[in-house]
Amino acid sequence: MGSVDEQILRTTKEIVVKFIETGRVSPTGFNKAFKNIYNAVEEAVKGSEKPIEPIEQESEEAKK
């Protein structure tokens, strides 16, 4: 893993941890959130052209 990839991974981890701490991401939604955030950070850093698929928003009723 290259230095840039390691920095992308660290940045993604820090963002996800902050989102979990603030309640924006639950542990059950970690997988989707991590992948989406990683792709967004990688896109920003490397300028890759692969499409980013957004996370599907859970409705308020589904959360209950």
PDB file of N, CA and C in Angstrom:
ATOM      1  N   MET A   1       0.866  -1.175   0.000  1.00  0.00           N
ATOM      2  CA  MET A   1       0.000   0.000   0.000  1.00  0.00           C
ATOM      3  C   MET A   1       0.908   1.232   0.000  1.00  0.00           C
ATOM      4  N   GLY A   2       0.635   2.143  -0.912  1.00  0.00           N
ATOM      5  CA  GLY A   2       1.448   3.338  -1.034  1.00  0.00           C
ATOM      6  C   GLY A   2       1.135   4.365   0.027  1.00  0.00           C
ATOM      7  N   SER A   3       1.978   5.348   0.114  1.00  0.00           N
ATOM      8  CA  SER A   3       1.810   6.400   1.109  1.00  0.00           C
ATOM      9  C   SER A   3       0.486   7.149   0.931  1.00  0.00           C
ATOM     10  N   VAL A   4       0.132   7.421  -0.328  1.00  0.00           N
ATOM     11  CA  VAL A   4      -1.117   8.136  -0.596  1.00  0.00           C
ATOM     12  C   VAL A   4      -2.307   7.285  -0.169  1.00  0.00           C
ATOM     13  N   ASP A   5      -2.254   5.987  -0.470  1.00  0.00           N
ATOM     14  CA  ASP A   5      -3.344   5.090  -0.077  1.00  0.00           C
ATOM     15  C   ASP A   5      -3.483   5.011   1.442  1.00  0.00           C
ATOM     16  N   GLU A   6      -2.363   5.005   2.142  1.00  0.00           N
ATOM     17  CA  GLU A   6      -2.394   4.979   3.601  1.00  0.00           C
ATOM     18  C   GLU A   6      -3.018   6.254   4.157  1.00  0.00           C
ATOM     19  N   GLN A   7      -2.685   7.381   3.549  1.00  0.00           N
ATOM     20  CA  GLN A   7      -3.259   8.656   3.990  1.00  0.00           C
ATOM     21  C   GLN A   7      -4.764   8.706   3.712  1.00  0.00           C
ATOM     22  N   ILE A   8      -5.187   8.159   2.590  1.00  0.00           N
ATOM     23  CA  ILE A   8      -6.616   8.100   2.273  1.00  0.00           C
ATOM     24  C   ILE A   8      -7.331   7.245   3.308  1.00  0.00           C
ATOM     25  N   LEU A   9      -6.738   6.099   3.643  1.00  0.00           N
ATOM     26  CA  LEU A   9      -7.334   5.203   4.637  1.00  0.00           C
ATOM     27  C   LEU A   9      -7.418   5.875   6.006  1.00  0.00           C
ATOM     28  N   ARG A  10      -6.346   6.548   6.434  1.00  0.00           N
ATOM     29  CA  ARG A  10      -6.343   7.251   7.732  1.00  0.00           C
ATOM     30  C   ARG A  10      -7.391   8.365   7.764  1.00  0.00           C
ATOM     31  N   THR A  11      -7.452   9.132   6.690  1.00  0.00           N
ATOM     32  CA  THR A  11      -8.424  10.226   6.613  1.00  0.00           C
ATOM     33  C   THR A  11      -9.841   9.694   6.674  1.00  0.00           C
ATOM     34  N   THR A  12     -10.098   8.637   5.939  1.00  0.00           N
ATOM     35  CA  THR A  12     -11.425   8.015   5.946  1.00  0.00           C
ATOM     36  C   THR A  12     -11.784   7.539   7.340  1.00  0.00           C
ATOM     37  N   LYS A  13     -10.824   6.903   8.015  1.00  0.00           N
ATOM     38  CA  LYS A  13     -11.058   6.414   9.376  1.00  0.00           C
ATOM     39  C   LYS A  13     -11.408   7.564  10.315  1.00  0.00           C
ATOM     40  N   GLU A  14     -10.660   8.652  10.221  1.00  0.00           N
ATOM     41  CA  GLU A  14     -10.917   9.804  11.094  1.00  0.00           C
ATOM     42  C   GLU A  14     -12.310  10.391  10.844  1.00  0.00           C
ATOM     43  N   ILE A  15     -12.703  10.481   9.593  1.00  0.00           N
ATOM     44  CA  ILE A  15     -14.030  11.019   9.259  1.00  0.00           C
ATOM     45  C   ILE A  15     -15.119  10.105   9.794  1.00  0.00           C
ATOM     46  N   VAL A  16     -14.974   8.806   9.587  1.00  0.00           N
ATOM     47  CA  VAL A  16     -15.988   7.853  10.052  1.00  0.00           C
ATOM     48  C   VAL A  16     -16.084   7.871  11.569  1.00  0.00           C
ATOM     49  N   VAL A  17     -14.947   7.942  12.252  1.00  0.00           N
ATOM     50  CA  VAL A  17     -14.961   8.001  13.725  1.00  0.00           C
ATOM     51  C   VAL A  17     -15.714   9.241  14.192  1.00  0.00           C
ATOM     52  N   LYS A  18     -15.465  10.382  13.569  1.00  0.00           N
ATOM     53  CA  LYS A  18     -16.186  11.612  13.943  1.00  0.00           C
ATOM     54  C   LYS A  18     -17.680  11.461  13.695  1.00  0.00           C
ATOM     55  N   PHE A  19     -18.048  10.864  12.571  1.00  0.00           N
ATOM     56  CA  PHE A  19     -19.465  10.654  12.263  1.00  0.00           C
ATOM     57  C   PHE A  19     -20.120   9.722  13.278  1.00  0.00           C
ATOM     58  N   ILE A  20     -19.414   8.701  13.709  1.00  0.00           N
ATOM     59  CA  ILE A  20     -19.957   7.787  14.722  1.00  0.00           C
ATOM     60  C   ILE A  20     -20.107   8.526  16.051  1.00  0.00           C
ATOM     61  N   GLU A  21     -19.094   9.306  16.433  1.00  0.00           N
ATOM     62  CA  GLU A  21     -19.136  10.066  17.692  1.00  0.00           C
ATOM     63  C   GLU A  21     -20.297  11.053  17.723  1.00  0.00           C
ATOM     64  N   THR A  22     -20.606  11.644  16.582  1.00  0.00           N
ATOM     65  CA  THR A  22     -21.691  12.631  16.530  1.00  0.00           C
ATOM     66  C   THR A  22     -23.042  11.999  16.234  1.00  0.00           C
ATOM     67  N   GLY A  23     -23.075  10.691  16.035  1.00  0.00           N
ATOM     68  CA  GLY A  23     -24.341  10.002  15.806  1.00  0.00           C
ATOM     69  C   GLY A  23     -24.823  10.038  14.367  1.00  0.00           C
ATOM     70  N   ARG A  24     -23.995  10.489  13.457  1.00  0.00           N
ATOM     71  CA  ARG A  24     -24.393  10.551  12.045  1.00  0.00           C
ATOM     72  C   ARG A  24     -24.287   9.198  11.374  1.00  0.00           C
ATOM     73  N   VAL A  25     -23.444   8.316  11.898  1.00  0.00           N
ATOM     74  CA  VAL A  25     -23.284   6.961  11.372  1.00  0.00           C
ATOM     75  C   VAL A  25     -23.421   6.006  12.542  1.00  0.00           C
ATOM     76  N   SER A  26     -24.237   4.983  12.354  1.00  0.00           N
ATOM     77  CA  SER A  26     -24.376   3.965  13.398  1.00  0.00           C
ATOM     78  C   SER A  26     -23.446   2.804  13.065  1.00  0.00           C
ATOM     79  N   PRO A  27     -23.106   1.995  14.056  1.00  0.00           N
ATOM     80  CA  PRO A  27     -22.253   0.843  13.779  1.00  0.00           C
ATOM     81  C   PRO A  27     -22.850  -0.090  12.723  1.00  0.00           C
ATOM     82  N   THR A  28     -24.163  -0.153  12.643  1.00  0.00           N
ATOM     83  CA  THR A  28     -24.781  -1.015  11.621  1.00  0.00           C
ATOM     84  C   THR A  28     -24.637  -0.428  10.227  1.00  0.00           C
ATOM     85  N   GLY A  29     -24.489   0.869  10.109  1.00  0.00           N
ATOM     86  CA  GLY A  29     -24.322   1.502   8.814  1.00  0.00           C
ATOM     87  C   GLY A  29     -22.873   1.769   8.456  1.00  0.00           C
ATOM     88  N   PHE A  30     -21.966   1.234   9.274  1.00  0.00           N
ATOM     89  CA  PHE A  30     -20.534   1.487   9.091  1.00  0.00           C
ATOM     90  C   PHE A  30     -20.029   1.051   7.723  1.00  0.00           C
ATOM     91  N   ASN A  31     -20.406  -0.136   7.286  1.00  0.00           N
ATOM     92  CA  ASN A  31     -19.872  -0.688   6.042  1.00  0.00           C
ATOM     93  C   ASN A  31     -20.148   0.221   4.843  1.00  0.00           C
ATOM     94  N   LYS A  32     -21.392   0.601   4.677  1.00  0.00           N
ATOM     95  CA  LYS A  32     -21.755   1.473   3.549  1.00  0.00           C
ATOM     96  C   LYS A  32     -21.105   2.842   3.689  1.00  0.00           C
ATOM     97  N   ALA A  33     -21.136   3.391   4.885  1.00  0.00           N
ATOM     98  CA  ALA A  33     -20.582   4.718   5.111  1.00  0.00           C
ATOM     99  C   ALA A  33     -19.079   4.727   4.840  1.00  0.00           C
ATOM    100  N   PHE A  34     -18.372   3.722   5.339  1.00  0.00           N
ATOM    101  CA  PHE A  34     -16.928   3.683   5.155  1.00  0.00           C
ATOM    102  C   PHE A  34     -16.568   3.623   3.676  1.00  0.00           C
ATOM    103  N   LYS A  35     -17.245   2.752   2.938  1.00  0.00           N
ATOM    104  CA  LYS A  35     -16.972   2.621   1.501  1.00  0.00           C
ATOM    105  C   LYS A  35     -17.244   3.931   0.764  1.00  0.00           C
ATOM    106  N   ASN A  36     -18.364   4.562   1.073  1.00  0.00           N
ATOM    107  CA  ASN A  36     -18.711   5.809   0.399  1.00  0.00           C
ATOM    108  C   ASN A  36     -17.740   6.933   0.737  1.00  0.00           C
ATOM    109  N   ILE A  37     -17.359   7.026   1.995  1.00  0.00           N
ATOM    110  CA  ILE A  37     -16.420   8.073   2.407  1.00  0.00           C
ATOM    111  C   ILE A  37     -15.048   7.800   1.801  1.00  0.00           C
ATOM    112  N   TYR A  38     -14.617   6.544   1.813  1.00  0.00           N
ATOM    113  CA  TYR A  38     -13.324   6.187   1.214  1.00  0.00           C
ATOM    114  C   TYR A  38     -13.300   6.574  -0.261  1.00  0.00           C
ATOM    115  N   ASN A  39     -14.375   6.228  -0.988  1.00  0.00           N
ATOM    116  CA  ASN A  39     -14.443   6.561  -2.417  1.00  0.00           C
ATOM    117  C   ASN A  39     -14.405   8.074  -2.632  1.00  0.00           C
ATOM    118  N   ALA A  40     -15.092   8.817  -1.783  1.00  0.00           N
ATOM    119  CA  ALA A  40     -15.110  10.277  -1.923  1.00  0.00           C
ATOM    120  C   ALA A  40     -13.731  10.876  -1.665  1.00  0.00           C
ATOM    121  N   VAL A  41     -13.047  10.399  -0.633  1.00  0.00           N
ATOM    122  CA  VAL A  41     -11.705  10.904  -0.324  1.00  0.00           C
ATOM    123  C   VAL A  41     -10.739  10.516  -1.443  1.00  0.00           C
ATOM    124  N   GLU A  42     -10.820   9.286  -1.901  1.00  0.00           N
ATOM    125  CA  GLU A  42      -9.948   8.829  -2.980  1.00  0.00           C
ATOM    126  C   GLU A  42     -10.188   9.641  -4.250  1.00  0.00           C
ATOM    127  N   GLU A  43     -11.436   9.901  -4.561  1.00  0.00           N
ATOM    128  CA  GLU A  43     -11.793  10.725  -5.727  1.00  0.00           C
ATOM    129  C   GLU A  43     -11.194  12.119  -5.598  1.00  0.00           C
ATOM    130  N   ALA A  44     -11.279  12.694  -4.416  1.00  0.00           N
ATOM    131  CA  ALA A  44     -10.750  14.040  -4.194  1.00  0.00           C
ATOM    132  C   ALA A  44      -9.226  14.080  -4.313  1.00  0.00           C
ATOM    133  N   VAL A  45      -8.569  13.034  -3.816  1.00  0.00           N
ATOM    134  CA  VAL A  45      -7.108  13.012  -3.816  1.00  0.00           C
ATOM    135  C   VAL A  45      -6.545  12.608  -5.175  1.00  0.00           C
ATOM    136  N   LYS A  46      -7.074  11.535  -5.727  1.00  0.00           N
ATOM    137  CA  LYS A  46      -6.503  10.991  -6.951  1.00  0.00           C
ATOM    138  C   LYS A  46      -7.200  11.494  -8.210  1.00  0.00           C
ATOM    139  N   GLY A  47      -8.415  12.014  -8.048  1.00  0.00           N
ATOM    140  CA  GLY A  47      -9.149  12.460  -9.218  1.00  0.00           C
ATOM    141  C   GLY A  47      -9.622  11.309 -10.082  1.00  0.00           C
ATOM    142  N   SER A  48      -9.844  10.159  -9.459  1.00  0.00           N
ATOM    143  CA  SER A  48     -10.295   8.996 -10.223  1.00  0.00           C
ATOM    144  C   SER A  48     -11.685   9.255 -10.792  1.00  0.00           C
ATOM    145  N   GLU A  49     -12.004   8.534 -11.847  1.00  0.00           N
ATOM    146  CA  GLU A  49     -13.272   8.769 -12.517  1.00  0.00           C
ATOM    147  C   GLU A  49     -14.294   7.675 -12.265  1.00  0.00           C
ATOM    148  N   LYS A  50     -14.036   6.803 -11.294  1.00  0.00           N
ATOM    149  CA  LYS A  50     -15.034   5.782 -11.006  1.00  0.00           C
ATOM    150  C   LYS A  50     -16.219   6.430 -10.308  1.00  0.00           C
ATOM    151  N   PRO A  51     -17.426   5.983 -10.606  1.00  0.00           N
ATOM    152  CA  PRO A  51     -18.605   6.617 -10.015  1.00  0.00           C
ATOM    153  C   PRO A  51     -18.720   6.325  -8.520  1.00  0.00           C
ATOM    154  N   ILE A  52     -19.196   7.310  -7.818  1.00  0.00           N
ATOM    155  CA  ILE A  52     -19.429   7.165  -6.388  1.00  0.00           C
ATOM    156  C   ILE A  52     -20.910   6.932  -6.186  1.00  0.00           C
ATOM    157  N   GLU A  53     -21.251   5.833  -5.548  1.00  0.00           N
ATOM    158  CA  GLU A  53     -22.648   5.535  -5.277  1.00  0.00           C
ATOM    159  C   GLU A  53     -22.996   6.053  -3.891  1.00  0.00           C
ATOM    160  N   PRO A  54     -23.975   6.943  -3.794  1.00  0.00           N
ATOM    161  CA  PRO A  54     -24.341   7.491  -2.476  1.00  0.00           C
ATOM    162  C   PRO A  54     -25.010   6.446  -1.596  1.00  0.00           C
ATOM    163  N   ILE A  55     -24.912   6.649  -0.294  1.00  0.00           N
ATOM    164  CA  ILE A  55     -25.579   5.764   0.635  1.00  0.00           C
ATOM    165  C   ILE A  55     -27.073   6.033   0.558  1.00  0.00           C
ATOM    166  N   GLU A  56     -27.826   4.978   0.649  1.00  0.00           N
ATOM    167  CA  GLU A  56     -29.270   5.146   0.668  1.00  0.00           C
ATOM    168  C   GLU A  56     -29.667   5.667   2.033  1.00  0.00           C
ATOM    169  N   GLN A  57     -30.434   6.746   2.049  1.00  0.00           N
ATOM    170  CA  GLN A  57     -30.880   7.335   3.306  1.00  0.00           C
ATOM    171  C   GLN A  57     -31.960   6.456   3.928  1.00  0.00           C
ATOM    172  N   GLU A  58     -31.810   6.172   5.202  1.00  0.00           N
ATOM    173  CA  GLU A  58     -32.830   5.418   5.929  1.00  0.00           C
ATOM    174  C   GLU A  58     -33.954   6.365   6.296  1.00  0.00           C
ATOM    175  N   SER A  59     -35.167   5.898   6.132  1.00  0.00           N
ATOM    176  CA  SER A  59     -36.297   6.733   6.545  1.00  0.00           C
ATOM    177  C   SER A  59     -36.394   6.712   8.055  1.00  0.00           C
ATOM    178  N   GLU A  60     -37.061   7.691   8.613  1.00  0.00           N
ATOM    179  CA  GLU A  60     -37.226   7.769  10.067  1.00  0.00           C
ATOM    180  C   GLU A  60     -37.972   6.548  10.595  1.00  0.00           C
ATOM    181  N   GLU A  61     -38.925   6.036   9.811  1.00  0.00           N
ATOM    182  CA  GLU A  61     -39.701   4.868  10.249  1.00  0.00           C
ATOM    183  C   GLU A  61     -38.823   3.628  10.281  1.00  0.00           C
ATOM    184  N   ALA A  62     -37.897   3.491   9.344  1.00  0.00           N
ATOM    185  CA  ALA A  62     -37.024   2.328   9.307  1.00  0.00           C
ATOM    186  C   ALA A  62     -36.064   2.296  10.486  1.00  0.00           C
ATOM    187  N   LYS A  63     -35.726   3.464  11.023  1.00  0.00           N
ATOM    188  CA  LYS A  63     -34.815   3.540  12.152  1.00  0.00           C
ATOM    189  C   LYS A  63     -35.459   3.092  13.460  1.00  0.00           C
ATOM    190  N   LYS A  64     -36.802   3.167  13.528  1.00  0.00           N
ATOM    191  CA  LYS A  64     -37.509   2.836  14.770  1.00  0.00           C
ATOM    192  C   LYS A  64     -37.692   1.367  14.942  1.00  0.00           C
TER     193      LYS A  64
END
